[in-house]
Amino acid sequence: MRIVEIFTAGGIVMYPLLAFSVVAIALIAERIAFWLRINRRQRQVASEVLKIYLHDPEMALAKLRSNLDLPIARIFLEALTLDQISPNGFRLVLESATQAEIPNLKRFNTFFDIIITASPLLGLLGTVLGLIQSFASITLDNVGAQNIGGATAGISEALVSTATGIIVAVFTLVFARAFRGLYQRQLSLIREYGTQLEFYYLRQYENQLENKGFVQPYARS
């Protein structure tokens, strides 16, 4: 059976299911491109910035500015561009910047949830409509080829729509779960490197206080 015939056999619910599948494919393609870019560069850039920062903070800032398409670069830059803030203030800025990046990391999750939830329900609706058509085409006083054909078409609509709804939901669910896993891993990485940056900033802060002859309230024992 050709795709057009299958689509026609599925009934009216195939149209919203087709729309869901097109939207899901487009969003999945965007997320794949996003996560490929993040996973390929973010860890390397963060490591290089931390190494540079201890010796040349200005060069570290330049490195961050050249990688503003990465969430961790925007987070670090948000904190490092503030002048003369305390280590506690620095930590708060890092946490705030991280929270601001979370919606970008979790982008389209709501749409994926809608598609995953609604697609099987649309398939079930197609099943009900198909069964209604089947029963409506059958009359006890005239059981013939025409009635049997109508019943068969209704059953075909029920099965095709159900299968399509499940396929769309499962396909979207697989990628949505993968994207959530990538989000959790990247969030852990951001917090890991953010903690290291806090430590390096504390060292810089203490050195500045020592050079100015101030008491070091954050000095290590």
N, C-alpha and C. Protein backbone atom coordinates (compact mmCIF):
# COMPACT_ATOMS: atom_id res chain seq x y z
N MET A 1 0.85 -1.20 0.00
CA MET A 1 0.00 0.00 0.00
C MET A 1 0.88 1.24 0.00
N ARG A 2 0.59 2.16 -0.88
CA ARG A 2 1.39 3.36 -0.99
C ARG A 2 1.08 4.33 0.15
N ILE A 3 2.00 5.30 0.33
CA ILE A 3 1.86 6.23 1.45
C ILE A 3 0.56 7.03 1.33
N VAL A 4 0.23 7.47 0.11
CA VAL A 4 -0.99 8.25 -0.08
C VAL A 4 -2.21 7.43 0.29
N GLU A 5 -2.20 6.16 -0.09
CA GLU A 5 -3.33 5.29 0.23
C GLU A 5 -3.43 5.06 1.74
N ILE A 6 -2.29 4.90 2.39
CA ILE A 6 -2.30 4.73 3.84
C ILE A 6 -2.82 5.99 4.51
N PHE A 7 -2.36 7.15 4.05
CA PHE A 7 -2.82 8.41 4.62
C PHE A 7 -4.32 8.57 4.45
N THR A 8 -4.82 8.25 3.27
CA THR A 8 -6.25 8.36 3.01
C THR A 8 -7.04 7.39 3.87
N ALA A 9 -6.50 6.18 4.03
CA ALA A 9 -7.19 5.16 4.83
C ALA A 9 -7.28 5.55 6.30
N GLY A 10 -6.36 6.40 6.77
CA GLY A 10 -6.34 6.75 8.19
C GLY A 10 -7.42 7.73 8.61
N GLY A 11 -8.06 8.37 7.65
CA GLY A 11 -9.15 9.27 8.00
C GLY A 11 -8.69 10.67 8.36
N ILE A 12 -9.61 11.43 8.94
CA ILE A 12 -9.38 12.86 9.17
C ILE A 12 -8.28 13.13 10.19
N VAL A 13 -8.06 12.21 11.14
CA VAL A 13 -7.05 12.46 12.18
C VAL A 13 -5.64 12.40 11.62
N MET A 14 -5.48 11.92 10.40
CA MET A 14 -4.15 11.86 9.81
C MET A 14 -3.60 13.25 9.52
N TYR A 15 -4.46 14.23 9.35
CA TYR A 15 -3.99 15.59 9.06
C TYR A 15 -3.29 16.23 10.26
N PRO A 16 -3.91 16.23 11.46
CA PRO A 16 -3.15 16.74 12.61
C PRO A 16 -1.93 15.88 12.94
N LEU A 17 -2.01 14.58 12.71
CA LEU A 17 -0.84 13.73 12.95
C LEU A 17 0.29 14.06 11.98
N LEU A 18 -0.07 14.37 10.74
CA LEU A 18 0.95 14.79 9.78
C LEU A 18 1.58 16.10 10.21
N ALA A 19 0.76 17.04 10.69
CA ALA A 19 1.29 18.32 11.17
C ALA A 19 2.22 18.09 12.36
N PHE A 20 1.83 17.22 13.29
CA PHE A 20 2.67 16.91 14.44
C PHE A 20 4.00 16.31 14.00
N SER A 21 3.96 15.41 13.03
CA SER A 21 5.20 14.77 12.59
C SER A 21 6.14 15.76 11.92
N VAL A 22 5.59 16.68 11.12
CA VAL A 22 6.42 17.69 10.45
C VAL A 22 7.06 18.62 11.49
N VAL A 23 6.24 19.07 12.46
CA VAL A 23 6.77 19.94 13.51
C VAL A 23 7.83 19.21 14.32
N ALA A 24 7.58 17.96 14.67
CA ALA A 24 8.54 17.19 15.47
C ALA A 24 9.86 17.04 14.73
N ILE A 25 9.81 16.74 13.45
CA ILE A 25 11.04 16.58 12.67
C ILE A 25 11.83 17.88 12.61
N ALA A 26 11.12 19.00 12.41
CA ALA A 26 11.80 20.29 12.34
C ALA A 26 12.46 20.64 13.68
N LEU A 27 11.75 20.44 14.77
CA LEU A 27 12.30 20.76 16.09
C LEU A 27 13.45 19.83 16.45
N ILE A 28 13.32 18.57 16.11
CA ILE A 28 14.39 17.60 16.39
C ILE A 28 15.65 17.96 15.61
N ALA A 29 15.49 18.36 14.34
CA ALA A 29 16.65 18.75 13.54
C ALA A 29 17.36 19.96 14.16
N GLU A 30 16.58 20.93 14.65
CA GLU A 30 17.18 22.11 15.28
C GLU A 30 17.93 21.73 16.54
N ARG A 31 17.34 20.86 17.35
CA ARG A 31 17.98 20.44 18.60
C ARG A 31 19.23 19.59 18.34
N ILE A 32 19.20 18.77 17.32
CA ILE A 32 20.39 17.98 16.99
C ILE A 32 21.55 18.90 16.61
N ALA A 33 21.27 19.89 15.76
CA ALA A 33 22.31 20.84 15.37
C ALA A 33 22.83 21.60 16.59
N PHE A 34 21.91 21.99 17.49
CA PHE A 34 22.30 22.72 18.69
C PHE A 34 23.21 21.88 19.58
N TRP A 35 22.81 20.65 19.86
CA TRP A 35 23.58 19.82 20.78
C TRP A 35 24.89 19.34 20.17
N LEU A 36 24.94 19.16 18.87
CA LEU A 36 26.21 18.81 18.23
C LEU A 36 27.22 19.94 18.42
N ARG A 37 26.77 21.18 18.25
CA ARG A 37 27.65 22.32 18.44
C ARG A 37 28.10 22.43 19.89
N ILE A 38 27.19 22.26 20.81
CA ILE A 38 27.51 22.38 22.24
C ILE A 38 28.48 21.29 22.67
N ASN A 39 28.17 20.04 22.33
CA ASN A 39 29.00 18.92 22.78
C ASN A 39 30.38 18.95 22.15
N ARG A 40 30.49 19.49 20.95
CA ARG A 40 31.78 19.50 20.26
C ARG A 40 32.73 20.56 20.81
N ARG A 41 32.19 21.67 21.34
CA ARG A 41 33.07 22.80 21.67
C ARG A 41 33.03 23.25 23.13
N GLN A 42 31.93 23.02 23.83
CA GLN A 42 31.76 23.69 25.10
C GLN A 42 32.80 23.26 26.15
N ARG A 43 33.04 21.97 26.28
CA ARG A 43 34.02 21.50 27.27
C ARG A 43 35.41 22.04 26.96
N GLN A 44 35.79 22.02 25.68
CA GLN A 44 37.12 22.49 25.29
C GLN A 44 37.28 23.98 25.57
N VAL A 45 36.27 24.77 25.22
CA VAL A 45 36.34 26.22 25.44
C VAL A 45 36.42 26.53 26.93
N ALA A 46 35.62 25.85 27.74
CA ALA A 46 35.62 26.10 29.18
C ALA A 46 36.98 25.76 29.79
N SER A 47 37.55 24.64 29.37
CA SER A 47 38.87 24.26 29.89
C SER A 47 39.94 25.28 29.52
N GLU A 48 39.91 25.74 28.27
CA GLU A 48 40.91 26.71 27.84
C GLU A 48 40.75 28.05 28.58
N VAL A 49 39.52 28.47 28.80
CA VAL A 49 39.28 29.73 29.50
C VAL A 49 39.80 29.65 30.93
N LEU A 50 39.56 28.55 31.60
CA LEU A 50 40.03 28.40 32.98
C LEU A 50 41.56 28.42 33.05
N LYS A 51 42.21 27.80 32.09
CA LYS A 51 43.67 27.80 32.09
C LYS A 51 44.22 29.20 31.83
N ILE A 52 43.57 29.92 30.93
CA ILE A 52 44.06 31.25 30.58
C ILE A 52 43.78 32.25 31.69
N TYR A 53 42.66 32.10 32.37
CA TYR A 53 42.20 33.11 33.32
C TYR A 53 43.19 33.37 34.44
N LEU A 54 43.86 32.32 34.92
CA LEU A 54 44.81 32.49 36.02
C LEU A 54 45.97 33.40 35.65
N HIS A 55 46.37 33.38 34.39
CA HIS A 55 47.54 34.14 33.96
C HIS A 55 47.18 35.42 33.21
N ASP A 56 46.07 35.40 32.51
CA ASP A 56 45.71 36.57 31.70
C ASP A 56 44.19 36.69 31.61
N PRO A 57 43.55 37.35 32.59
CA PRO A 57 42.09 37.47 32.59
C PRO A 57 41.53 38.15 31.34
N GLU A 58 42.27 39.13 30.81
CA GLU A 58 41.78 39.82 29.61
C GLU A 58 41.72 38.90 28.40
N MET A 59 42.72 38.04 28.29
CA MET A 59 42.71 37.08 27.18
C MET A 59 41.58 36.08 27.36
N ALA A 60 41.29 35.72 28.61
CA ALA A 60 40.17 34.82 28.87
C ALA A 60 38.85 35.45 28.46
N LEU A 61 38.71 36.75 28.73
CA LEU A 61 37.50 37.45 28.31
C LEU A 61 37.38 37.49 26.79
N ALA A 62 38.50 37.70 26.11
CA ALA A 62 38.48 37.71 24.65
C ALA A 62 38.09 36.34 24.10
N LYS A 63 38.57 35.31 24.75
CA LYS A 63 38.21 33.95 24.34
C LYS A 63 36.71 33.71 24.51
N LEU A 64 36.17 34.19 25.61
CA LEU A 64 34.73 34.03 25.84
C LEU A 64 33.91 34.80 24.81
N ARG A 65 34.34 36.01 24.50
CA ARG A 65 33.59 36.84 23.55
C ARG A 65 33.60 36.24 22.14
N SER A 66 34.62 35.49 21.82
CA SER A 66 34.69 34.85 20.51
C SER A 66 33.88 33.56 20.44
N ASN A 67 33.29 33.17 21.57
CA ASN A 67 32.47 31.94 21.60
C ASN A 67 31.11 32.20 22.26
N LEU A 68 30.51 33.33 21.92
CA LEU A 68 29.26 33.71 22.56
C LEU A 68 28.08 32.83 22.14
N ASP A 69 28.26 31.97 21.16
CA ASP A 69 27.18 31.06 20.80
C ASP A 69 27.07 29.89 21.77
N LEU A 70 28.03 29.78 22.71
CA LEU A 70 28.01 28.71 23.71
C LEU A 70 27.42 29.22 25.01
N PRO A 71 26.52 28.47 25.64
CA PRO A 71 25.93 28.92 26.91
C PRO A 71 26.95 29.20 27.99
N ILE A 72 27.95 28.34 28.13
CA ILE A 72 28.91 28.50 29.21
C ILE A 72 29.75 29.77 29.00
N ALA A 73 30.00 30.15 27.77
CA ALA A 73 30.74 31.39 27.49
C ALA A 73 29.93 32.60 27.93
N ARG A 74 28.63 32.58 27.66
CA ARG A 74 27.78 33.70 28.08
C ARG A 74 27.67 33.76 29.60
N ILE A 75 27.62 32.60 30.25
CA ILE A 75 27.53 32.56 31.72
C ILE A 75 28.80 33.13 32.34
N PHE A 76 29.95 32.65 31.89
CA PHE A 76 31.22 33.12 32.44
C PHE A 76 31.41 34.61 32.18
N LEU A 77 31.06 35.04 30.98
CA LEU A 77 31.25 36.44 30.62
C LEU A 77 30.37 37.35 31.47
N GLU A 78 29.18 36.89 31.78
CA GLU A 78 28.26 37.67 32.61
C GLU A 78 28.88 37.98 33.97
N ALA A 79 29.59 37.00 34.54
CA ALA A 79 30.18 37.18 35.87
C ALA A 79 31.52 37.93 35.81
N LEU A 80 32.33 37.61 34.81
CA LEU A 80 33.68 38.16 34.77
C LEU A 80 33.73 39.62 34.33
N THR A 81 32.68 40.09 33.69
CA THR A 81 32.69 41.49 33.25
C THR A 81 32.26 42.46 34.35
N LEU A 82 31.83 41.94 35.49
CA LEU A 82 31.49 42.80 36.62
C LEU A 82 32.75 43.13 37.40
N ASP A 83 32.92 44.38 37.76
CA ASP A 83 34.15 44.84 38.42
C ASP A 83 33.99 44.81 39.94
N GLN A 84 35.04 44.32 40.58
CA GLN A 84 35.19 44.44 42.03
C GLN A 84 33.98 43.93 42.82
N ILE A 85 33.52 42.74 42.49
CA ILE A 85 32.46 42.14 43.29
C ILE A 85 33.06 41.09 44.20
N SER A 86 32.41 40.83 45.32
CA SER A 86 32.90 39.85 46.27
C SER A 86 32.72 38.44 45.72
N PRO A 87 33.45 37.47 46.27
CA PRO A 87 33.25 36.07 45.83
C PRO A 87 31.82 35.60 45.98
N ASN A 88 31.13 36.03 47.05
CA ASN A 88 29.72 35.65 47.20
C ASN A 88 28.87 36.26 46.09
N GLY A 89 29.14 37.51 45.78
CA GLY A 89 28.42 38.15 44.68
C GLY A 89 28.72 37.48 43.35
N PHE A 90 29.97 37.07 43.17
CA PHE A 90 30.37 36.38 41.94
C PHE A 90 29.59 35.08 41.80
N ARG A 91 29.45 34.34 42.90
CA ARG A 91 28.70 33.08 42.87
C ARG A 91 27.24 33.32 42.50
N LEU A 92 26.66 34.37 43.06
CA LEU A 92 25.26 34.68 42.77
C LEU A 92 25.06 35.04 41.30
N VAL A 93 26.01 35.78 40.76
CA VAL A 93 25.91 36.14 39.34
C VAL A 93 26.03 34.91 38.45
N LEU A 94 26.94 34.01 38.79
CA LEU A 94 27.07 32.77 38.03
C LEU A 94 25.78 31.95 38.07
N GLU A 95 25.21 31.83 39.27
CA GLU A 95 23.97 31.06 39.40
C GLU A 95 22.83 31.71 38.63
N SER A 96 22.76 33.03 38.69
CA SER A 96 21.71 33.74 37.96
C SER A 96 21.87 33.57 36.45
N ALA A 97 23.10 33.68 35.97
CA ALA A 97 23.36 33.52 34.54
C ALA A 97 23.06 32.09 34.08
N THR A 98 23.37 31.12 34.95
CA THR A 98 23.07 29.73 34.61
C THR A 98 21.57 29.51 34.50
N GLN A 99 20.82 30.07 35.44
CA GLN A 99 19.36 29.95 35.38
C GLN A 99 18.80 30.59 34.12
N ALA A 100 19.40 31.68 33.70
CA ALA A 100 18.94 32.37 32.50
C ALA A 100 19.17 31.53 31.24
N GLU A 101 20.17 30.64 31.26
CA GLU A 101 20.48 29.82 30.10
C GLU A 101 19.65 28.54 30.05
N ILE A 102 19.04 28.15 31.15
CA ILE A 102 18.30 26.89 31.20
C ILE A 102 17.17 26.84 30.16
N PRO A 103 16.36 27.90 29.99
CA PRO A 103 15.32 27.81 28.94
C PRO A 103 15.87 27.53 27.55
N ASN A 104 17.06 28.04 27.24
CA ASN A 104 17.67 27.75 25.94
C ASN A 104 18.08 26.29 25.83
N LEU A 105 18.59 25.73 26.93
CA LEU A 105 18.98 24.32 26.93
C LEU A 105 17.77 23.39 26.86
N LYS A 106 16.65 23.82 27.43
CA LYS A 106 15.43 23.01 27.46
C LYS A 106 14.44 23.42 26.38
N ARG A 107 14.90 24.13 25.41
CA ARG A 107 14.01 24.68 24.37
C ARG A 107 13.23 23.57 23.67
N PHE A 108 11.96 23.84 23.41
CA PHE A 108 11.03 22.95 22.69
C PHE A 108 10.58 21.75 23.51
N ASN A 109 10.99 21.61 24.77
CA ASN A 109 10.54 20.48 25.57
C ASN A 109 9.02 20.45 25.70
N THR A 110 8.41 21.64 25.83
CA THR A 110 6.96 21.69 25.96
C THR A 110 6.28 21.20 24.68
N PHE A 111 6.81 21.57 23.53
CA PHE A 111 6.24 21.11 22.26
C PHE A 111 6.38 19.60 22.13
N PHE A 112 7.53 19.07 22.53
CA PHE A 112 7.72 17.62 22.48
C PHE A 112 6.71 16.92 23.38
N ASP A 113 6.48 17.45 24.57
CA ASP A 113 5.52 16.84 25.49
C ASP A 113 4.12 16.86 24.91
N ILE A 114 3.75 17.96 24.26
CA ILE A 114 2.42 18.05 23.64
C ILE A 114 2.26 17.00 22.55
N ILE A 115 3.27 16.87 21.70
CA ILE A 115 3.20 15.90 20.60
C ILE A 115 3.15 14.47 21.15
N ILE A 116 3.98 14.18 22.15
CA ILE A 116 4.02 12.84 22.73
C ILE A 116 2.69 12.47 23.36
N THR A 117 2.05 13.44 24.01
CA THR A 117 0.78 13.17 24.69
C THR A 117 -0.40 13.14 23.72
N ALA A 118 -0.41 14.08 22.78
CA ALA A 118 -1.58 14.24 21.91
C ALA A 118 -1.64 13.22 20.78
N SER A 119 -0.49 12.76 20.28
CA SER A 119 -0.49 11.86 19.12
C SER A 119 -1.23 10.55 19.40
N PRO A 120 -0.96 9.84 20.51
CA PRO A 120 -1.73 8.62 20.77
C PRO A 120 -3.22 8.89 20.97
N LEU A 121 -3.55 10.05 21.56
CA LEU A 121 -4.96 10.38 21.75
C LEU A 121 -5.65 10.62 20.40
N LEU A 122 -4.95 11.26 19.48
CA LEU A 122 -5.51 11.41 18.14
C LEU A 122 -5.67 10.06 17.46
N GLY A 123 -4.69 9.18 17.66
CA GLY A 123 -4.82 7.82 17.12
C GLY A 123 -6.02 7.09 17.69
N LEU A 124 -6.24 7.28 19.00
CA LEU A 124 -7.41 6.67 19.64
C LEU A 124 -8.70 7.26 19.09
N LEU A 125 -8.70 8.57 18.87
CA LEU A 125 -9.87 9.20 18.26
C LEU A 125 -10.13 8.61 16.88
N GLY A 126 -9.08 8.38 16.10
CA GLY A 126 -9.25 7.75 14.80
C GLY A 126 -9.82 6.35 14.92
N THR A 127 -9.41 5.63 15.97
CA THR A 127 -9.96 4.30 16.20
C THR A 127 -11.45 4.35 16.45
N VAL A 128 -11.86 5.28 17.30
CA VAL A 128 -13.29 5.42 17.61
C VAL A 128 -14.08 5.80 16.36
N LEU A 129 -13.56 6.77 15.59
CA LEU A 129 -14.26 7.19 14.38
C LEU A 129 -14.35 6.05 13.36
N GLY A 130 -13.29 5.28 13.26
CA GLY A 130 -13.30 4.14 12.34
C GLY A 130 -14.29 3.08 12.75
N LEU A 131 -14.37 2.79 14.03
CA LEU A 131 -15.33 1.80 14.51
C LEU A 131 -16.77 2.29 14.33
N ILE A 132 -16.96 3.59 14.56
CA ILE A 132 -18.30 4.15 14.33
C ILE A 132 -18.70 3.98 12.87
N GLN A 133 -17.74 4.25 11.97
CA GLN A 133 -18.02 4.08 10.54
C GLN A 133 -18.32 2.62 10.22
N SER A 134 -17.59 1.71 10.84
CA SER A 134 -17.80 0.28 10.57
C SER A 134 -19.19 -0.15 10.99
N PHE A 135 -19.57 0.21 12.22
CA PHE A 135 -20.87 -0.19 12.71
C PHE A 135 -22.01 0.49 11.96
N ALA A 136 -21.76 1.74 11.54
CA ALA A 136 -22.80 2.45 10.82
C ALA A 136 -23.06 1.85 9.44
N SER A 137 -22.07 1.21 8.87
CA SER A 137 -22.21 0.65 7.52
C SER A 137 -22.86 -0.73 7.52
N ILE A 138 -23.01 -1.31 8.71
CA ILE A 138 -23.57 -2.65 8.80
C ILE A 138 -25.04 -2.56 9.18
N THR A 139 -25.90 -3.17 8.38
CA THR A 139 -27.32 -3.29 8.70
C THR A 139 -27.68 -4.77 8.69
N LEU A 140 -28.41 -5.19 9.68
CA LEU A 140 -28.72 -6.61 9.84
C LEU A 140 -29.61 -7.15 8.72
N ASP A 141 -30.44 -6.29 8.13
CA ASP A 141 -31.36 -6.79 7.10
C ASP A 141 -30.76 -6.80 5.71
N ASN A 142 -29.53 -6.23 5.59
CA ASN A 142 -28.92 -6.19 4.26
C ASN A 142 -27.41 -6.32 4.37
N VAL A 143 -26.97 -7.52 4.64
CA VAL A 143 -25.54 -7.78 4.76
C VAL A 143 -25.00 -8.17 3.39
N GLY A 144 -24.32 -7.25 2.75
CA GLY A 144 -23.83 -7.52 1.42
C GLY A 144 -22.43 -6.99 1.23
N ALA A 145 -21.98 -7.00 -0.02
CA ALA A 145 -20.62 -6.57 -0.32
C ALA A 145 -20.41 -5.11 0.01
N GLN A 146 -21.44 -4.30 -0.23
CA GLN A 146 -21.29 -2.88 0.05
C GLN A 146 -21.12 -2.62 1.54
N ASN A 147 -21.92 -3.31 2.35
CA ASN A 147 -21.80 -3.16 3.80
C ASN A 147 -20.46 -3.66 4.30
N ILE A 148 -20.03 -4.79 3.75
CA ILE A 148 -18.74 -5.35 4.17
C ILE A 148 -17.61 -4.39 3.79
N GLY A 149 -17.71 -3.79 2.61
CA GLY A 149 -16.69 -2.82 2.20
C GLY A 149 -16.63 -1.63 3.12
N GLY A 150 -17.79 -1.12 3.53
CA GLY A 150 -17.82 0.00 4.47
C GLY A 150 -17.23 -0.36 5.81
N ALA A 151 -17.54 -1.57 6.28
CA ALA A 151 -16.99 -2.02 7.56
C ALA A 151 -15.48 -2.17 7.48
N THR A 152 -15.00 -2.69 6.37
CA THR A 152 -13.56 -2.86 6.19
C THR A 152 -12.84 -1.51 6.16
N ALA A 153 -13.45 -0.53 5.49
CA ALA A 153 -12.84 0.80 5.44
C ALA A 153 -12.77 1.42 6.83
N GLY A 154 -13.81 1.22 7.63
CA GLY A 154 -13.81 1.76 8.99
C GLY A 154 -12.75 1.11 9.86
N ILE A 155 -12.62 -0.21 9.73
CA ILE A 155 -11.59 -0.91 10.50
C ILE A 155 -10.20 -0.47 10.06
N SER A 156 -10.01 -0.29 8.76
CA SER A 156 -8.72 0.19 8.24
C SER A 156 -8.40 1.56 8.80
N GLU A 157 -9.39 2.45 8.84
CA GLU A 157 -9.18 3.78 9.41
C GLU A 157 -8.77 3.69 10.87
N ALA A 158 -9.44 2.81 11.61
CA ALA A 158 -9.13 2.65 13.03
C ALA A 158 -7.71 2.17 13.24
N LEU A 159 -7.29 1.18 12.48
CA LEU A 159 -5.95 0.60 12.68
C LEU A 159 -4.85 1.55 12.22
N VAL A 160 -5.04 2.16 11.06
CA VAL A 160 -4.00 3.05 10.51
C VAL A 160 -3.80 4.26 11.40
N SER A 161 -4.88 4.89 11.84
CA SER A 161 -4.76 6.08 12.68
C SER A 161 -4.11 5.74 14.02
N THR A 162 -4.48 4.61 14.60
CA THR A 162 -3.88 4.21 15.87
C THR A 162 -2.38 3.98 15.72
N ALA A 163 -2.01 3.22 14.68
CA ALA A 163 -0.58 2.94 14.45
C ALA A 163 0.20 4.22 14.19
N THR A 164 -0.37 5.14 13.42
CA THR A 164 0.32 6.39 13.10
C THR A 164 0.52 7.23 14.35
N GLY A 165 -0.52 7.33 15.19
CA GLY A 165 -0.39 8.10 16.43
C GLY A 165 0.70 7.55 17.32
N ILE A 166 0.78 6.24 17.43
CA ILE A 166 1.81 5.62 18.28
C ILE A 166 3.20 5.85 17.69
N ILE A 167 3.32 5.72 16.37
CA ILE A 167 4.63 5.92 15.72
C ILE A 167 5.14 7.34 15.93
N VAL A 168 4.26 8.33 15.73
CA VAL A 168 4.66 9.73 15.91
C VAL A 168 5.08 9.97 17.36
N ALA A 169 4.31 9.43 18.32
CA ALA A 169 4.62 9.64 19.73
C ALA A 169 5.94 8.98 20.12
N VAL A 170 6.15 7.74 19.69
CA VAL A 170 7.37 7.01 20.05
C VAL A 170 8.59 7.66 19.41
N PHE A 171 8.47 8.05 18.16
CA PHE A 171 9.57 8.71 17.46
C PHE A 171 9.98 9.99 18.19
N THR A 172 9.00 10.79 18.58
CA THR A 172 9.29 12.04 19.28
C THR A 172 9.83 11.78 20.67
N LEU A 173 9.29 10.77 21.34
CA LEU A 173 9.72 10.45 22.71
C LEU A 173 11.19 10.05 22.77
N VAL A 174 11.64 9.27 21.81
CA VAL A 174 13.04 8.83 21.79
C VAL A 174 13.98 10.03 21.77
N PHE A 175 13.72 10.97 20.89
CA PHE A 175 14.59 12.14 20.79
C PHE A 175 14.43 13.07 21.98
N ALA A 176 13.20 13.22 22.47
CA ALA A 176 12.97 14.10 23.62
C ALA A 176 13.74 13.60 24.84
N ARG A 177 13.73 12.29 25.07
CA ARG A 177 14.49 11.72 26.19
C ARG A 177 15.99 11.92 26.00
N ALA A 178 16.45 11.76 24.77
CA ALA A 178 17.88 11.97 24.50
C ALA A 178 18.27 13.42 24.77
N PHE A 179 17.43 14.36 24.36
CA PHE A 179 17.72 15.77 24.59
C PHE A 179 17.71 16.10 26.08
N ARG A 180 16.82 15.49 26.84
CA ARG A 180 16.80 15.73 28.29
C ARG A 180 18.07 15.21 28.94
N GLY A 181 18.56 14.06 28.46
CA GLY A 181 19.82 13.54 28.97
C GLY A 181 20.98 14.47 28.67
N LEU A 182 21.02 15.00 27.47
CA LEU A 182 22.07 15.96 27.11
C LEU A 182 21.97 17.22 27.95
N TYR A 183 20.75 17.66 28.21
CA TYR A 183 20.56 18.85 29.05
C TYR A 183 21.11 18.63 30.46
N GLN A 184 20.79 17.48 31.05
CA GLN A 184 21.28 17.20 32.40
C GLN A 184 22.81 17.12 32.43
N ARG A 185 23.38 16.51 31.40
CA ARG A 185 24.84 16.39 31.37
C ARG A 185 25.51 17.74 31.20
N GLN A 186 24.97 18.58 30.33
CA GLN A 186 25.56 19.90 30.13
C GLN A 186 25.37 20.80 31.35
N LEU A 187 24.24 20.66 32.02
CA LEU A 187 24.02 21.46 33.23
C LEU A 187 25.03 21.07 34.31
N SER A 188 25.32 19.78 34.44
CA SER A 188 26.33 19.34 35.40
C SER A 188 27.71 19.86 35.01
N LEU A 189 28.00 19.87 33.70
CA LEU A 189 29.29 20.38 33.24
C LEU A 189 29.42 21.87 33.53
N ILE A 190 28.35 22.64 33.28
CA ILE A 190 28.39 24.08 33.55
C ILE A 190 28.64 24.34 35.02
N ARG A 191 27.98 23.59 35.89
CA ARG A 191 28.16 23.79 37.33
C ARG A 191 29.55 23.36 37.78
N GLU A 192 30.08 22.31 37.16
CA GLU A 192 31.43 21.86 37.50
C GLU A 192 32.46 22.93 37.16
N TYR A 193 32.41 23.44 35.93
CA TYR A 193 33.37 24.47 35.53
C TYR A 193 33.08 25.80 36.22
N GLY A 194 31.82 26.05 36.54
CA GLY A 194 31.50 27.25 37.28
C GLY A 194 32.10 27.25 38.67
N THR A 195 32.12 26.09 39.32
CA THR A 195 32.76 25.98 40.63
C THR A 195 34.26 26.23 40.53
N GLN A 196 34.89 25.71 39.49
CA GLN A 196 36.32 25.97 39.29
C GLN A 196 36.58 27.45 39.05
N LEU A 197 35.72 28.09 38.28
CA LEU A 197 35.90 29.52 38.03
C LEU A 197 35.72 30.32 39.32
N GLU A 198 34.81 29.91 40.17
CA GLU A 198 34.65 30.58 41.47
C GLU A 198 35.93 30.50 42.29
N PHE A 199 36.55 29.33 42.29
CA PHE A 199 37.80 29.15 43.03
C PHE A 199 38.90 30.05 42.47
N TYR A 200 39.02 30.09 41.15
CA TYR A 200 40.05 30.93 40.54
C TYR A 200 39.77 32.41 40.79
N TYR A 201 38.50 32.78 40.75
CA TYR A 201 38.16 34.17 41.03
C TYR A 201 38.49 34.53 42.48
N LEU A 202 38.27 33.59 43.40
CA LEU A 202 38.61 33.82 44.81
C LEU A 202 40.10 34.07 44.97
N ARG A 203 40.90 33.30 44.24
CA ARG A 203 42.36 33.51 44.30
C ARG A 203 42.73 34.89 43.77
N GLN A 204 42.13 35.28 42.66
CA GLN A 204 42.40 36.61 42.12
C GLN A 204 41.95 37.70 43.10
N TYR A 205 40.81 37.49 43.71
CA TYR A 205 40.27 38.47 44.65
C TYR A 205 41.18 38.63 45.86
N GLU A 206 41.67 37.52 46.39
CA GLU A 206 42.57 37.56 47.54
C GLU A 206 43.89 38.22 47.18
N ASN A 207 44.39 37.94 45.98
CA ASN A 207 45.64 38.57 45.54
C ASN A 207 45.50 40.09 45.43
N GLN A 208 44.33 40.52 44.94
CA GLN A 208 44.11 41.96 44.84
C GLN A 208 44.06 42.60 46.22
N LEU A 209 43.40 41.95 47.17
CA LEU A 209 43.34 42.49 48.53
C LEU A 209 44.73 42.53 49.16
N GLU A 210 45.49 41.50 48.92
CA GLU A 210 46.84 41.44 49.49
C GLU A 210 47.72 42.54 48.91
N ASN A 211 47.59 42.77 47.60
CA ASN A 211 48.39 43.81 46.97
C ASN A 211 48.03 45.21 47.47
N LYS A 212 46.76 45.36 47.85
CA LYS A 212 46.32 46.65 48.37
C LYS A 212 46.55 46.79 49.87
N GLY A 213 46.99 45.70 50.51
CA GLY A 213 47.28 45.74 51.95
C GLY A 213 46.05 45.63 52.82
N PHE A 214 44.94 45.11 52.24
CA PHE A 214 43.73 44.95 53.02
C PHE A 214 43.75 43.60 53.73
N VAL A 215 42.91 43.50 54.75
CA VAL A 215 42.72 42.21 55.42
C VAL A 215 41.94 41.31 54.48
N GLN A 216 42.27 40.05 54.46
CA GLN A 216 41.65 39.13 53.55
C GLN A 216 40.52 38.37 54.25
N PRO A 217 39.28 38.78 54.09
CA PRO A 217 38.20 38.09 54.79
C PRO A 217 37.93 36.69 54.27
N TYR A 218 38.43 36.38 53.06
CA TYR A 218 38.18 35.07 52.47
C TYR A 218 39.46 34.23 52.44
N ALA A 219 40.45 34.64 53.23
CA ALA A 219 41.73 33.95 53.19
C ALA A 219 41.59 32.51 53.63
N ARG A 220 42.37 31.65 53.02
CA ARG A 220 42.35 30.23 53.37
C ARG A 220 43.20 30.04 54.62
N SER A 221 42.75 29.16 55.49
CA SER A 221 43.52 28.87 56.71
C SER A 221 44.63 27.87 56.38
